[in-house]
């Protein structure tokens, strides 16, 4: 007999005990893609993320609100004790008459009824030598504002002060100024805001001309022009 051919042995693996699996296992790249494709709970989406412009606007709004809360409220002179009245004085002597009334109030112990005497002033823009200049002018030359609790005693002290010729008001009883006039004459503005300067108006009136006031605290009051500022 000739030499026998070598026998081949085939190793067989038994898969009968292994669990069946029909889905292929994902590789690492696929698993990472799946994990990152779903947003985390609570994470902001594209629509929730503010743009740079929106963030700036929100910051400005917050700053404005903080400044508004931090800014102290403006005190109105109308809310102080007493009421404001207008008294007529000799034109050009307002400062002297103011001093007279303050001295008389102190000497007669009337500080509990006569609280404050004011010459209303305002900033007026004028042109001088070709340049804009701001000068202070009396709002009502020949008049003072007096804050007081008006009764017979305070009326007597004010009315009989040298240089004062009387109260302004319709009828025999003096009329107190309303809030809007008090705040306008005393130029109440929030802190940090500049009081608006007005230009000097051109008035077509003449000295010694008789005029009648149509509105405001001097409504229906007639007078003669003695000075044009």
C-alpha atoms as a PDB file:
ATOM      1  CA  UNK A   1       0.000   0.000   0.000  1.00  0.00           C
ATOM      2  CA  UNK A   2       1.217   3.454  -0.786  1.00  0.00           C
ATOM      3  CA  UNK A   3       1.482   6.202   1.783  1.00  0.00           C
ATOM      4  CA  UNK A   4      -1.821   7.400   3.231  1.00  0.00           C
ATOM      5  CA  UNK A   5      -2.952  11.038   2.696  1.00  0.00           C
ATOM      6  CA  UNK A   6      -2.881  13.156   5.856  1.00  0.00           C
ATOM      7  CA  UNK A   7      -6.239  13.608   7.536  1.00  0.00           C
ATOM      8  CA  UNK A   8      -7.608  17.149   8.129  1.00  0.00           C
ATOM      9  CA  UNK A   9      -9.333  17.932  11.367  1.00  0.00           C
ATOM     10  CA  UNK A  10     -11.892  20.761  11.382  1.00  0.00           C
ATOM     11  CA  UNK A  11     -12.609  22.405  14.736  1.00  0.00           C
ATOM     12  CA  UNK A  12     -16.309  23.000  15.164  1.00  0.00           C
ATOM     13  CA  UNK A  13     -17.609  25.652  17.537  1.00  0.00           C
ATOM     14  CA  UNK A  14     -20.856  24.951  19.257  1.00  0.00           C
ATOM     15  CA  UNK A  15     -23.187  28.041  19.153  1.00  0.00           C
ATOM     16  CA  UNK A  16     -26.149  26.253  20.581  1.00  0.00           C
ATOM     17  CA  UNK A  17     -25.711  27.804  24.047  1.00  0.00           C
ATOM     18  CA  UNK A  18     -25.034  31.422  22.871  1.00  0.00           C
ATOM     19  CA  UNK A  19     -27.940  33.921  22.967  1.00  0.00           C
ATOM     20  CA  UNK A  20     -29.374  34.831  19.645  1.00  0.00           C
ATOM     21  CA  UNK A  21     -28.864  38.434  18.485  1.00  0.00           C
ATOM     22  CA  UNK A  22     -30.402  39.886  15.407  1.00  0.00           C
ATOM     23  CA  UNK A  23     -29.197  43.524  15.795  1.00  0.00           C
ATOM     24  CA  UNK A  24     -25.600  44.362  15.043  1.00  0.00           C
ATOM     25  CA  UNK A  25     -23.681  46.049  17.836  1.00  0.00           C
ATOM     26  CA  UNK A  26     -23.017  49.710  17.057  1.00  0.00           C
ATOM     27  CA  UNK A  27     -19.442  50.763  16.845  1.00  0.00           C
ATOM     28  CA  UNK A  28     -18.034  53.531  19.071  1.00  0.00           C
ATOM     29  CA  UNK A  29     -18.616  56.237  16.472  1.00  0.00           C
ATOM     30  CA  UNK A  30     -22.280  55.344  16.108  1.00  0.00           C
ATOM     31  CA  UNK A  31     -22.782  55.203  19.881  1.00  0.00           C
ATOM     32  CA  UNK A  32     -21.254  58.656  20.321  1.00  0.00           C
ATOM     33  CA  UNK A  33     -23.472  60.075  17.615  1.00  0.00           C
ATOM     34  CA  UNK A  34     -26.578  58.647  19.242  1.00  0.00           C
ATOM     35  CA  UNK A  35     -25.587  59.960  22.659  1.00  0.00           C
ATOM     36  CA  UNK A  36     -25.036  63.502  21.430  1.00  0.00           C
ATOM     37  CA  UNK A  37     -28.092  63.714  19.208  1.00  0.00           C
ATOM     38  CA  UNK A  38     -30.538  63.944  22.132  1.00  0.00           C
ATOM     39  CA  UNK A  39     -30.481  67.204  24.180  1.00  0.00           C
ATOM     40  CA  UNK A  40     -30.086  66.987  27.908  1.00  0.00           C
ATOM     41  CA  UNK A  41     -33.112  67.690  30.044  1.00  0.00           C
ATOM     42  CA  UNK A  42     -33.154  71.366  30.997  1.00  0.00           C
ATOM     43  CA  UNK A  43     -30.490  72.369  28.486  1.00  0.00           C
ATOM     44  CA  UNK A  44     -31.273  75.574  26.550  1.00  0.00           C
ATOM     45  CA  UNK A  45     -32.267  75.186  22.960  1.00  0.00           C
ATOM     46  CA  UNK A  46     -31.234  77.538  20.172  1.00  0.00           C
ATOM     47  CA  UNK A  47     -34.404  79.574  20.676  1.00  0.00           C
ATOM     48  CA  UNK A  48     -33.647  80.059  24.388  1.00  0.00           C
ATOM     49  CA  UNK A  49     -30.143  81.453  23.948  1.00  0.00           C
ATOM     50  CA  UNK A  50     -30.250  85.295  23.724  1.00  0.00           C
ATOM     51  CA  UNK A  51     -28.331  86.993  20.981  1.00  0.00           C
ATOM     52  CA  UNK A  52     -25.741  89.670  21.749  1.00  0.00           C
ATOM     53  CA  UNK A  53     -28.257  92.395  20.876  1.00  0.00           C
ATOM     54  CA  UNK A  54     -30.971  90.932  23.102  1.00  0.00           C
ATOM     55  CA  UNK A  55     -28.520  90.549  25.990  1.00  0.00           C
ATOM     56  CA  UNK A  56     -27.441  94.194  25.635  1.00  0.00           C
ATOM     57  CA  UNK A  57     -31.048  95.399  25.614  1.00  0.00           C
ATOM     58  CA  UNK A  58     -31.870  93.328  28.694  1.00  0.00           C
ATOM     59  CA  UNK A  59     -28.815  94.735  30.481  1.00  0.00           C
ATOM     60  CA  UNK A  60     -29.837  98.314  29.615  1.00  0.00           C
ATOM     61  CA  UNK A  61     -33.360  97.712  30.905  1.00  0.00           C
ATOM     62  CA  UNK A  62     -32.012  96.317  34.170  1.00  0.00           C
ATOM     63  CA  UNK A  63     -29.674  99.294  34.582  1.00  0.00           C
ATOM     64  CA  UNK A  64     -32.504 101.760  33.905  1.00  0.00           C
ATOM     65  CA  UNK A  65     -34.721 100.022  36.469  1.00  0.00           C
ATOM     66  CA  UNK A  66     -31.923 100.025  39.049  1.00  0.00           C
ATOM     67  CA  UNK A  67     -31.224 103.737  38.466  1.00  0.00           C
ATOM     68  CA  UNK A  68     -34.920 104.550  38.748  1.00  0.00           C
ATOM     69  CA  UNK A  69     -35.185 102.704  42.068  1.00  0.00           C
ATOM     70  CA  UNK A  70     -31.962 104.299  43.320  1.00  0.00           C
ATOM     71  CA  UNK A  71     -33.019 107.839  42.342  1.00  0.00           C
ATOM     72  CA  UNK A  72     -34.633 109.629  45.300  1.00  0.00           C
ATOM     73  CA  UNK A  73     -38.132 110.968  44.703  1.00  0.00           C
ATOM     74  CA  UNK A  74     -38.349 114.645  43.879  1.00  0.00           C
ATOM     75  CA  UNK A  75     -39.892 116.767  46.593  1.00  0.00           C
ATOM     76  CA  UNK A  76     -42.554 119.137  45.360  1.00  0.00           C
ATOM     77  CA  UNK A  77     -42.697 122.512  47.129  1.00  0.00           C
ATOM     78  CA  UNK A  78     -46.476 122.228  46.864  1.00  0.00           C
ATOM     79  CA  UNK A  79     -46.406 119.349  49.387  1.00  0.00           C
ATOM     80  CA  UNK A  80     -44.710 121.403  52.084  1.00  0.00           C
ATOM     81  CA  UNK A  81     -46.819 122.703  54.993  1.00  0.00           C
ATOM     82  CA  UNK A  82     -49.118 125.621  54.200  1.00  0.00           C
ATOM     83  CA  UNK A  83     -50.234 127.020  50.851  1.00  0.00           C
ATOM     84  CA  UNK A  84     -48.490 129.287  48.361  1.00  0.00           C
ATOM     85  CA  UNK A  85     -49.790 132.811  47.759  1.00  0.00           C
ATOM     86  CA  UNK A  86     -48.678 135.616  45.470  1.00  0.00           C
ATOM     87  CA  UNK A  87     -48.123 139.070  46.953  1.00  0.00           C
ATOM     88  CA  UNK A  88     -47.564 142.275  45.034  1.00  0.00           C
ATOM     89  CA  UNK A  89     -44.506 144.400  45.826  1.00  0.00           C
ATOM     90  CA  UNK A  90     -42.785 147.460  44.489  1.00  0.00           C
ATOM     91  CA  UNK A  91     -41.035 146.473  41.266  1.00  0.00           C
ATOM     92  CA  UNK A  92     -37.270 146.450  41.609  1.00  0.00           C
ATOM     93  CA  UNK A  93     -37.420 146.073  45.399  1.00  0.00           C
ATOM     94  CA  UNK A  94     -38.330 142.382  45.606  1.00  0.00           C
ATOM     95  CA  UNK A  95     -35.162 141.407  47.492  1.00  0.00           C
ATOM     96  CA  UNK A  96     -35.566 144.201  50.036  1.00  0.00           C
ATOM     97  CA  UNK A  97     -39.251 143.399  50.573  1.00  0.00           C
ATOM     98  CA  UNK A  98     -38.373 139.710  51.020  1.00  0.00           C
ATOM     99  CA  UNK A  99     -35.889 140.651  53.741  1.00  0.00           C
ATOM    100  CA  UNK A 100     -38.476 142.918  55.381  1.00  0.00           C
ATOM    101  CA  UNK A 101     -41.086 140.149  55.513  1.00  0.00           C
ATOM    102  CA  UNK A 102     -38.614 137.570  56.861  1.00  0.00           C
ATOM    103  CA  UNK A 103     -37.435 139.975  59.579  1.00  0.00           C
ATOM    104  CA  UNK A 104     -41.007 140.905  60.489  1.00  0.00           C
ATOM    105  CA  UNK A 105     -41.993 137.219  60.659  1.00  0.00           C
ATOM    106  CA  UNK A 106     -39.115 136.506  63.049  1.00  0.00           C
ATOM    107  CA  UNK A 107     -39.665 139.558  65.271  1.00  0.00           C
ATOM    108  CA  UNK A 108     -43.379 138.782  65.667  1.00  0.00           C
ATOM    109  CA  UNK A 109     -42.781 135.043  66.269  1.00  0.00           C
ATOM    110  CA  UNK A 110     -44.811 134.029  63.232  1.00  0.00           C
ATOM    111  CA  UNK A 111     -42.480 131.270  61.999  1.00  0.00           C
ATOM    112  CA  UNK A 112     -45.206 128.750  62.817  1.00  0.00           C
ATOM    113  CA  UNK A 113     -47.535 130.316  60.221  1.00  0.00           C
ATOM    114  CA  UNK A 114     -45.284 132.049  57.672  1.00  0.00           C
ATOM    115  CA  UNK A 115     -42.791 129.478  56.440  1.00  0.00           C
ATOM    116  CA  UNK A 116     -41.085 130.660  53.287  1.00  0.00           C
ATOM    117  CA  UNK A 117     -40.678 133.698  51.033  1.00  0.00           C
ATOM    118  CA  UNK A 118     -39.397 133.183  47.489  1.00  0.00           C
ATOM    119  CA  UNK A 119     -38.491 135.396  44.554  1.00  0.00           C
ATOM    120  CA  UNK A 120     -39.185 133.096  41.556  1.00  0.00           C
ATOM    121  CA  UNK A 121     -36.147 133.058  39.254  1.00  0.00           C
ATOM    122  CA  UNK A 122     -35.401 131.334  35.971  1.00  0.00           C
ATOM    123  CA  UNK A 123     -32.496 130.884  33.585  1.00  0.00           C
ATOM    124  CA  UNK A 124     -32.997 132.787  30.343  1.00  0.00           C
ATOM    125  CA  UNK A 125     -30.788 132.396  27.287  1.00  0.00           C
ATOM    126  CA  UNK A 126     -29.854 135.679  25.632  1.00  0.00           C
ATOM    127  CA  UNK A 127     -27.482 136.803  22.902  1.00  0.00           C
ATOM    128  CA  UNK A 128     -24.839 139.316  23.953  1.00  0.00           C
ATOM    129  CA  UNK A 129     -22.029 140.383  21.639  1.00  0.00           C
ATOM    130  CA  UNK A 130     -22.928 137.530  19.307  1.00  0.00           C
ATOM    131  CA  UNK A 131     -22.639 134.875  22.016  1.00  0.00           C
ATOM    132  CA  UNK A 132     -25.216 132.861  23.898  1.00  0.00           C
ATOM    133  CA  UNK A 133     -25.255 133.618  27.603  1.00  0.00           C
ATOM    134  CA  UNK A 134     -27.532 132.359  30.356  1.00  0.00           C
ATOM    135  CA  UNK A 135     -28.742 134.966  32.812  1.00  0.00           C
ATOM    136  CA  UNK A 136     -31.074 134.733  35.780  1.00  0.00           C
ATOM    137  CA  UNK A 137     -34.267 136.732  35.554  1.00  0.00           C
ATOM    138  CA  UNK A 138     -37.236 137.199  37.835  1.00  0.00           C
ATOM    139  CA  UNK A 139     -40.210 135.173  36.655  1.00  0.00           C
ATOM    140  CA  UNK A 140     -42.633 137.841  37.868  1.00  0.00           C
ATOM    141  CA  UNK A 141     -40.977 141.196  38.555  1.00  0.00           C
ATOM    142  CA  UNK A 142     -42.866 142.953  41.326  1.00  0.00           C
ATOM    143  CA  UNK A 143     -44.199 139.763  42.950  1.00  0.00           C
ATOM    144  CA  UNK A 144     -43.188 137.334  45.689  1.00  0.00           C
ATOM    145  CA  UNK A 145     -44.371 133.841  46.542  1.00  0.00           C
ATOM    146  CA  UNK A 146     -45.197 133.321  50.206  1.00  0.00           C
ATOM    147  CA  UNK A 147     -45.830 129.893  51.729  1.00  0.00           C
ATOM    148  CA  UNK A 148     -47.959 130.210  54.827  1.00  0.00           C
ATOM    149  CA  UNK A 149     -50.989 129.053  56.754  1.00  0.00           C
ATOM    150  CA  UNK A 150     -53.217 132.010  56.082  1.00  0.00           C
ATOM    151  CA  UNK A 151     -55.280 133.289  58.981  1.00  0.00           C
ATOM    152  CA  UNK A 152     -56.009 136.750  60.388  1.00  0.00           C
ATOM    153  CA  UNK A 153     -52.632 137.033  62.124  1.00  0.00           C
ATOM    154  CA  UNK A 154     -50.479 135.885  59.213  1.00  0.00           C
ATOM    155  CA  UNK A 155     -52.520 137.999  56.795  1.00  0.00           C
ATOM    156  CA  UNK A 156     -51.933 141.069  58.983  1.00  0.00           C
ATOM    157  CA  UNK A 157     -48.161 140.491  59.206  1.00  0.00           C
ATOM    158  CA  UNK A 158     -47.786 139.978  55.460  1.00  0.00           C
ATOM    159  CA  UNK A 159     -50.150 142.715  54.353  1.00  0.00           C
ATOM    160  CA  UNK A 160     -48.547 145.345  56.579  1.00  0.00           C
ATOM    161  CA  UNK A 161     -44.941 144.570  55.663  1.00  0.00           C
ATOM    162  CA  UNK A 162     -43.247 147.641  54.129  1.00  0.00           C
ATOM    163  CA  UNK A 163     -43.133 147.286  50.342  1.00  0.00           C
ATOM    164  CA  UNK A 164     -46.068 144.851  50.050  1.00  0.00           C
ATOM    165  CA  UNK A 165     -49.158 146.358  48.475  1.00  0.00           C
ATOM    166  CA  UNK A 166     -51.464 143.358  48.717  1.00  0.00           C
ATOM    167  CA  UNK A 167     -52.287 139.776  47.838  1.00  0.00           C
ATOM    168  CA  UNK A 168     -53.125 138.614  44.324  1.00  0.00           C
ATOM    169  CA  UNK A 169     -56.457 136.849  43.894  1.00  0.00           C
ATOM    170  CA  UNK A 170     -59.945 137.295  42.628  1.00  0.00           C
ATOM    171  CA  UNK A 171     -62.307 138.816  45.156  1.00  0.00           C
ATOM    172  CA  UNK A 172     -61.516 139.887  48.698  1.00  0.00           C
ATOM    173  CA  UNK A 173     -59.970 136.566  49.734  1.00  0.00           C
ATOM    174  CA  UNK A 174     -56.462 135.658  48.491  1.00  0.00           C
ATOM    175  CA  UNK A 175     -56.369 132.627  46.211  1.00  0.00           C
ATOM    176  CA  UNK A 176     -53.672 129.971  46.803  1.00  0.00           C
ATOM    177  CA  UNK A 177     -51.714 128.753  43.806  1.00  0.00           C
ATOM    178  CA  UNK A 178     -52.541 125.322  42.343  1.00  0.00           C
ATOM    179  CA  UNK A 179     -49.899 122.606  42.200  1.00  0.00           C
ATOM    180  CA  UNK A 180     -49.029 123.056  38.526  1.00  0.00           C
ATOM    181  CA  UNK A 181     -48.292 126.762  38.986  1.00  0.00           C
ATOM    182  CA  UNK A 182     -46.179 126.217  42.106  1.00  0.00           C
ATOM    183  CA  UNK A 183     -44.082 123.549  40.406  1.00  0.00           C
ATOM    184  CA  UNK A 184     -43.805 125.633  37.249  1.00  0.00           C
ATOM    185  CA  UNK A 185     -42.770 128.846  38.998  1.00  0.00           C
ATOM    186  CA  UNK A 186     -40.258 127.051  41.227  1.00  0.00           C
ATOM    187  CA  UNK A 187     -39.115 124.880  38.294  1.00  0.00           C
ATOM    188  CA  UNK A 188     -39.340 121.434  39.866  1.00  0.00           C
ATOM    189  CA  UNK A 189     -37.334 118.816  37.926  1.00  0.00           C
ATOM    190  CA  UNK A 190     -36.145 115.286  38.764  1.00  0.00           C
ATOM    191  CA  UNK A 191     -32.631 115.213  40.187  1.00  0.00           C
ATOM    192  CA  UNK A 192     -30.027 114.974  37.450  1.00  0.00           C
ATOM    193  CA  UNK A 193     -32.234 116.601  34.832  1.00  0.00           C
ATOM    194  CA  UNK A 194     -31.339 120.093  33.728  1.00  0.00           C
ATOM    195  CA  UNK A 195     -33.973 122.765  33.949  1.00  0.00           C
ATOM    196  CA  UNK A 196     -34.857 123.791  30.435  1.00  0.00           C
ATOM    197  CA  UNK A 197     -33.606 127.245  29.564  1.00  0.00           C
ATOM    198  CA  UNK A 198     -36.026 129.338  27.594  1.00  0.00           C
ATOM    199  CA  UNK A 199     -35.193 131.941  25.038  1.00  0.00           C
ATOM    200  CA  UNK A 200     -36.031 135.544  25.738  1.00  0.00           C
ATOM    201  CA  UNK A 201     -39.432 136.265  24.158  1.00  0.00           C
ATOM    202  CA  UNK A 202     -40.054 139.324  22.077  1.00  0.00           C
ATOM    203  CA  UNK A 203     -42.893 141.293  23.591  1.00  0.00           C
ATOM    204  CA  UNK A 204     -44.734 143.917  21.635  1.00  0.00           C
ATOM    205  CA  UNK A 205     -45.777 145.957  24.641  1.00  0.00           C
ATOM    206  CA  UNK A 206     -44.917 149.418  25.799  1.00  0.00           C
ATOM    207  CA  UNK A 207     -44.265 150.884  29.225  1.00  0.00           C
ATOM    208  CA  UNK A 208     -47.366 152.479  30.811  1.00  0.00           C
ATOM    209  CA  UNK A 209     -49.625 150.302  28.647  1.00  0.00           C
ATOM    210  CA  UNK A 210     -52.580 148.743  30.501  1.00  0.00           C
ATOM    211  CA  UNK A 211     -52.967 144.986  30.021  1.00  0.00           C
ATOM    212  CA  UNK A 212     -55.239 142.231  31.315  1.00  0.00           C
ATOM    213  CA  UNK A 213     -53.960 138.735  32.084  1.00  0.00           C
ATOM    214  CA  UNK A 214     -56.010 136.009  30.384  1.00  0.00           C
ATOM    215  CA  UNK A 215     -54.876 132.844  32.212  1.00  0.00           C
ATOM    216  CA  UNK A 216     -52.781 131.488  35.060  1.00  0.00           C
ATOM    217  CA  UNK A 217     -52.667 132.696  38.671  1.00  0.00           C
ATOM    218  CA  UNK A 218     -53.098 136.306  37.523  1.00  0.00           C
ATOM    219  CA  UNK A 219     -56.162 135.600  35.376  1.00  0.00           C
ATOM    220  CA  UNK A 220     -58.490 138.615  35.047  1.00  0.00           C
ATOM    221  CA  UNK A 221     -55.894 140.781  36.771  1.00  0.00           C
ATOM    222  CA  UNK A 222     -55.345 144.160  35.122  1.00  0.00           C
ATOM    223  CA  UNK A 223     -52.204 146.204  35.512  1.00  0.00           C
ATOM    224  CA  UNK A 224     -49.947 148.783  33.991  1.00  0.00           C
ATOM    225  CA  UNK A 225     -46.607 147.854  32.463  1.00  0.00           C
ATOM    226  CA  UNK A 226     -43.863 149.601  34.400  1.00  0.00           C
ATOM    227  CA  UNK A 227     -40.855 147.631  33.177  1.00  0.00           C
ATOM    228  CA  UNK A 228     -39.964 145.314  30.285  1.00  0.00           C
ATOM    229  CA  UNK A 229     -37.136 142.852  30.968  1.00  0.00           C
END
